């Protein structure tokens, strides 16, 4: 089994930039902020040891690929 790779906000932003998805620091922070119901747009969590937001790399990539597939399915035929 592969070891998980946890990323902080900046590292996650760099991974996305490597895929051509350029986000500002503020955009990443907003994706990690909790809404009124306590949910986040991306599955970031607070590391109990370091007390900072982290996300598992595969979860981050999966979220973007899932949205891409949904967008392709929602295309209207010409």
N, C-alpha and C. Protein backbone atom coordinates (compact mmCIF):
# COMPACT_ATOMS: atom_id res chain seq x y z
N UNK A 1 0.84 -1.18 0.00
CA UNK A 1 0.00 0.00 0.00
C UNK A 1 0.88 1.25 0.00
N UNK A 2 0.48 2.22 -0.78
CA UNK A 2 1.23 3.45 -0.89
C UNK A 2 1.00 4.36 0.31
N UNK A 3 2.06 5.02 0.76
CA UNK A 3 1.94 5.96 1.87
C UNK A 3 1.23 7.23 1.38
N UNK A 4 0.31 7.78 2.18
CA UNK A 4 -0.36 9.02 1.77
C UNK A 4 0.63 10.18 1.77
N UNK A 5 0.38 11.11 0.90
CA UNK A 5 1.21 12.32 0.79
C UNK A 5 0.32 13.51 1.15
N UNK A 6 0.61 14.13 2.29
CA UNK A 6 -0.20 15.25 2.76
C UNK A 6 0.42 16.57 2.34
N UNK A 7 -0.43 17.48 1.88
CA UNK A 7 0.01 18.78 1.38
C UNK A 7 -0.62 19.89 2.20
N UNK A 8 0.14 20.97 2.42
CA UNK A 8 -0.46 22.15 3.03
C UNK A 8 -1.06 23.00 1.90
N UNK A 9 -1.60 24.15 2.24
CA UNK A 9 -2.26 24.99 1.24
C UNK A 9 -1.34 25.36 0.09
N UNK A 10 -0.14 25.78 0.39
CA UNK A 10 0.79 26.22 -0.66
C UNK A 10 1.22 25.05 -1.54
N UNK A 11 1.49 23.92 -0.93
CA UNK A 11 1.89 22.74 -1.71
C UNK A 11 0.74 22.28 -2.61
N UNK A 12 -0.48 22.35 -2.11
CA UNK A 12 -1.65 21.98 -2.92
C UNK A 12 -1.79 22.94 -4.10
N UNK A 13 -1.57 24.20 -3.85
CA UNK A 13 -1.64 25.20 -4.91
C UNK A 13 -0.58 24.93 -5.98
N UNK A 14 0.60 24.51 -5.57
CA UNK A 14 1.68 24.20 -6.52
C UNK A 14 1.36 22.95 -7.34
N UNK A 15 0.75 21.94 -6.72
CA UNK A 15 0.37 20.73 -7.45
C UNK A 15 -0.65 21.09 -8.53
N UNK A 16 -1.62 21.91 -8.17
CA UNK A 16 -2.62 22.33 -9.16
C UNK A 16 -2.00 23.18 -10.26
N UNK A 17 -1.07 24.03 -9.89
CA UNK A 17 -0.38 24.86 -10.90
C UNK A 17 0.37 23.97 -11.89
N UNK A 18 0.93 22.88 -11.42
CA UNK A 18 1.61 21.94 -12.29
C UNK A 18 0.67 21.28 -13.30
N UNK A 19 -0.62 21.30 -12.99
CA UNK A 19 -1.63 20.76 -13.90
C UNK A 19 -2.24 21.85 -14.78
N UNK A 20 -1.75 23.08 -14.61
CA UNK A 20 -2.29 24.19 -15.40
C UNK A 20 -3.43 24.91 -14.74
N UNK A 21 -3.70 24.63 -13.46
CA UNK A 21 -4.77 25.29 -12.72
C UNK A 21 -4.13 26.31 -11.79
N UNK A 22 -4.09 27.55 -12.24
CA UNK A 22 -3.44 28.63 -11.48
C UNK A 22 -4.44 29.26 -10.52
N UNK A 23 -4.22 29.09 -9.23
CA UNK A 23 -5.08 29.68 -8.20
C UNK A 23 -4.25 30.59 -7.31
N UNK A 24 -4.88 31.65 -6.85
CA UNK A 24 -4.19 32.56 -5.93
C UNK A 24 -4.21 31.95 -4.52
N UNK A 25 -3.41 32.52 -3.64
CA UNK A 25 -3.41 32.05 -2.25
C UNK A 25 -4.80 32.20 -1.65
N UNK A 26 -5.45 33.31 -1.96
CA UNK A 26 -6.79 33.57 -1.41
C UNK A 26 -7.81 32.54 -1.91
N UNK A 27 -7.71 32.16 -3.17
CA UNK A 27 -8.63 31.15 -3.71
C UNK A 27 -8.44 29.82 -2.99
N UNK A 28 -7.20 29.45 -2.71
CA UNK A 28 -6.95 28.20 -1.98
C UNK A 28 -7.48 28.30 -0.56
N UNK A 29 -7.29 29.45 0.07
CA UNK A 29 -7.79 29.62 1.43
C UNK A 29 -9.31 29.50 1.47
N UNK A 30 -9.99 30.09 0.48
CA UNK A 30 -11.45 30.01 0.43
C UNK A 30 -11.92 28.56 0.23
N UNK A 31 -11.20 27.79 -0.56
CA UNK A 31 -11.56 26.38 -0.78
C UNK A 31 -11.39 25.57 0.51
N UNK A 32 -10.51 26.01 1.38
CA UNK A 32 -10.24 25.29 2.63
C UNK A 32 -11.09 25.79 3.79
N UNK A 33 -11.71 26.96 3.66
CA UNK A 33 -12.52 27.51 4.74
C UNK A 33 -13.81 26.72 4.89
N UNK A 34 -14.28 26.65 6.12
CA UNK A 34 -15.55 25.98 6.38
C UNK A 34 -16.71 26.93 6.08
N UNK A 35 -17.80 26.37 5.53
CA UNK A 35 -18.99 27.17 5.32
C UNK A 35 -19.82 27.16 6.60
N UNK A 36 -21.03 27.67 6.56
CA UNK A 36 -21.88 27.75 7.75
C UNK A 36 -22.22 26.38 8.32
N UNK A 37 -22.21 25.36 7.48
CA UNK A 37 -22.51 23.99 7.93
C UNK A 37 -21.25 23.23 8.34
N UNK A 38 -20.09 23.88 8.29
CA UNK A 38 -18.84 23.24 8.69
C UNK A 38 -18.19 22.40 7.60
N UNK A 39 -18.66 22.55 6.36
CA UNK A 39 -18.10 21.80 5.24
C UNK A 39 -17.10 22.65 4.48
N UNK A 40 -16.16 22.00 3.84
CA UNK A 40 -15.16 22.67 3.02
C UNK A 40 -15.38 22.30 1.55
N UNK A 41 -14.95 23.18 0.64
CA UNK A 41 -15.07 22.88 -0.79
C UNK A 41 -14.12 21.77 -1.19
N UNK A 42 -12.98 21.70 -0.57
CA UNK A 42 -12.01 20.63 -0.78
C UNK A 42 -11.78 19.95 0.57
N UNK A 43 -11.42 18.66 0.56
CA UNK A 43 -11.32 17.91 1.82
C UNK A 43 -10.06 18.19 2.64
N UNK A 44 -9.85 19.45 2.99
CA UNK A 44 -8.76 19.80 3.90
C UNK A 44 -9.17 19.43 5.31
N UNK A 45 -8.20 19.14 6.16
CA UNK A 45 -8.46 18.86 7.57
C UNK A 45 -7.35 19.50 8.39
N UNK A 46 -7.64 19.72 9.66
CA UNK A 46 -6.65 20.31 10.56
C UNK A 46 -5.81 19.19 11.15
N UNK A 47 -4.51 19.25 10.90
CA UNK A 47 -3.57 18.28 11.46
C UNK A 47 -3.52 18.49 12.97
N UNK A 48 -3.84 17.46 13.76
CA UNK A 48 -3.87 17.64 15.21
C UNK A 48 -2.49 17.88 15.84
N UNK A 49 -1.44 17.50 15.16
CA UNK A 49 -0.10 17.68 15.72
C UNK A 49 0.46 19.05 15.37
N UNK A 50 0.39 19.39 14.08
CA UNK A 50 0.97 20.66 13.62
C UNK A 50 -0.04 21.80 13.62
N UNK A 51 -1.33 21.48 13.80
CA UNK A 51 -2.40 22.46 13.84
C UNK A 51 -2.43 23.34 12.59
N UNK A 52 -2.31 22.69 11.43
CA UNK A 52 -2.41 23.42 10.17
C UNK A 52 -3.24 22.60 9.20
N UNK A 53 -3.78 23.27 8.19
CA UNK A 53 -4.62 22.60 7.22
C UNK A 53 -3.79 21.74 6.29
N UNK A 54 -4.26 20.51 6.08
CA UNK A 54 -3.62 19.58 5.16
C UNK A 54 -4.67 18.92 4.29
N UNK A 55 -4.23 18.40 3.16
CA UNK A 55 -5.08 17.62 2.28
C UNK A 55 -4.23 16.50 1.71
N UNK A 56 -4.83 15.34 1.51
CA UNK A 56 -4.11 14.23 0.91
C UNK A 56 -4.05 14.48 -0.59
N UNK A 57 -2.89 14.33 -1.18
CA UNK A 57 -2.66 14.67 -2.58
C UNK A 57 -3.65 13.96 -3.51
N UNK A 58 -3.87 12.67 -3.31
CA UNK A 58 -4.79 11.93 -4.17
C UNK A 58 -6.23 12.44 -4.04
N UNK A 59 -6.63 12.90 -2.85
CA UNK A 59 -7.97 13.46 -2.66
C UNK A 59 -8.12 14.77 -3.43
N UNK A 60 -7.07 15.58 -3.41
CA UNK A 60 -7.09 16.84 -4.16
C UNK A 60 -7.24 16.58 -5.65
N UNK A 61 -6.41 15.69 -6.18
CA UNK A 61 -6.47 15.38 -7.61
C UNK A 61 -7.80 14.74 -7.98
N UNK A 62 -8.29 13.86 -7.14
CA UNK A 62 -9.56 13.19 -7.39
C UNK A 62 -10.71 14.18 -7.47
N UNK A 63 -10.71 15.19 -6.60
CA UNK A 63 -11.76 16.20 -6.61
C UNK A 63 -11.79 16.94 -7.94
N UNK A 64 -10.63 17.29 -8.46
CA UNK A 64 -10.58 18.00 -9.74
C UNK A 64 -10.95 17.10 -10.90
N UNK A 65 -10.49 15.86 -10.91
CA UNK A 65 -10.83 14.95 -12.00
C UNK A 65 -12.33 14.63 -11.99
N UNK A 66 -12.92 14.51 -10.80
CA UNK A 66 -14.35 14.24 -10.69
C UNK A 66 -15.15 15.39 -11.30
N UNK A 67 -14.77 16.61 -10.99
CA UNK A 67 -15.47 17.79 -11.55
C UNK A 67 -15.30 17.86 -13.06
N UNK A 68 -14.14 17.45 -13.55
CA UNK A 68 -13.90 17.45 -15.00
C UNK A 68 -14.83 16.45 -15.69
N UNK A 69 -14.98 15.28 -15.12
CA UNK A 69 -15.87 14.26 -15.69
C UNK A 69 -17.31 14.77 -15.67
N UNK A 70 -17.72 15.39 -14.56
CA UNK A 70 -19.08 15.94 -14.47
C UNK A 70 -19.31 16.99 -15.54
N UNK A 71 -18.33 17.84 -15.76
CA UNK A 71 -18.46 18.89 -16.78
C UNK A 71 -18.58 18.29 -18.18
N UNK A 72 -17.82 17.24 -18.44
CA UNK A 72 -17.89 16.59 -19.75
C UNK A 72 -19.25 15.91 -19.96
N UNK A 73 -19.80 15.34 -18.92
CA UNK A 73 -21.12 14.70 -19.02
C UNK A 73 -22.23 15.74 -19.25
N UNK A 74 -22.03 16.94 -18.76
CA UNK A 74 -23.05 17.97 -18.87
C UNK A 74 -22.98 18.75 -20.18
N UNK A 75 -22.05 18.40 -21.05
CA UNK A 75 -21.97 19.07 -22.35
C UNK A 75 -23.22 18.77 -23.16
N UNK A 76 -23.71 19.77 -23.81
CA UNK A 76 -24.86 19.57 -24.68
C UNK A 76 -24.38 19.23 -26.07
N UNK A 77 -24.99 18.22 -26.68
CA UNK A 77 -24.59 17.90 -28.06
C UNK A 77 -25.02 19.02 -29.00
N UNK A 78 -24.18 19.27 -30.02
CA UNK A 78 -24.50 20.35 -30.97
C UNK A 78 -25.52 19.92 -31.99
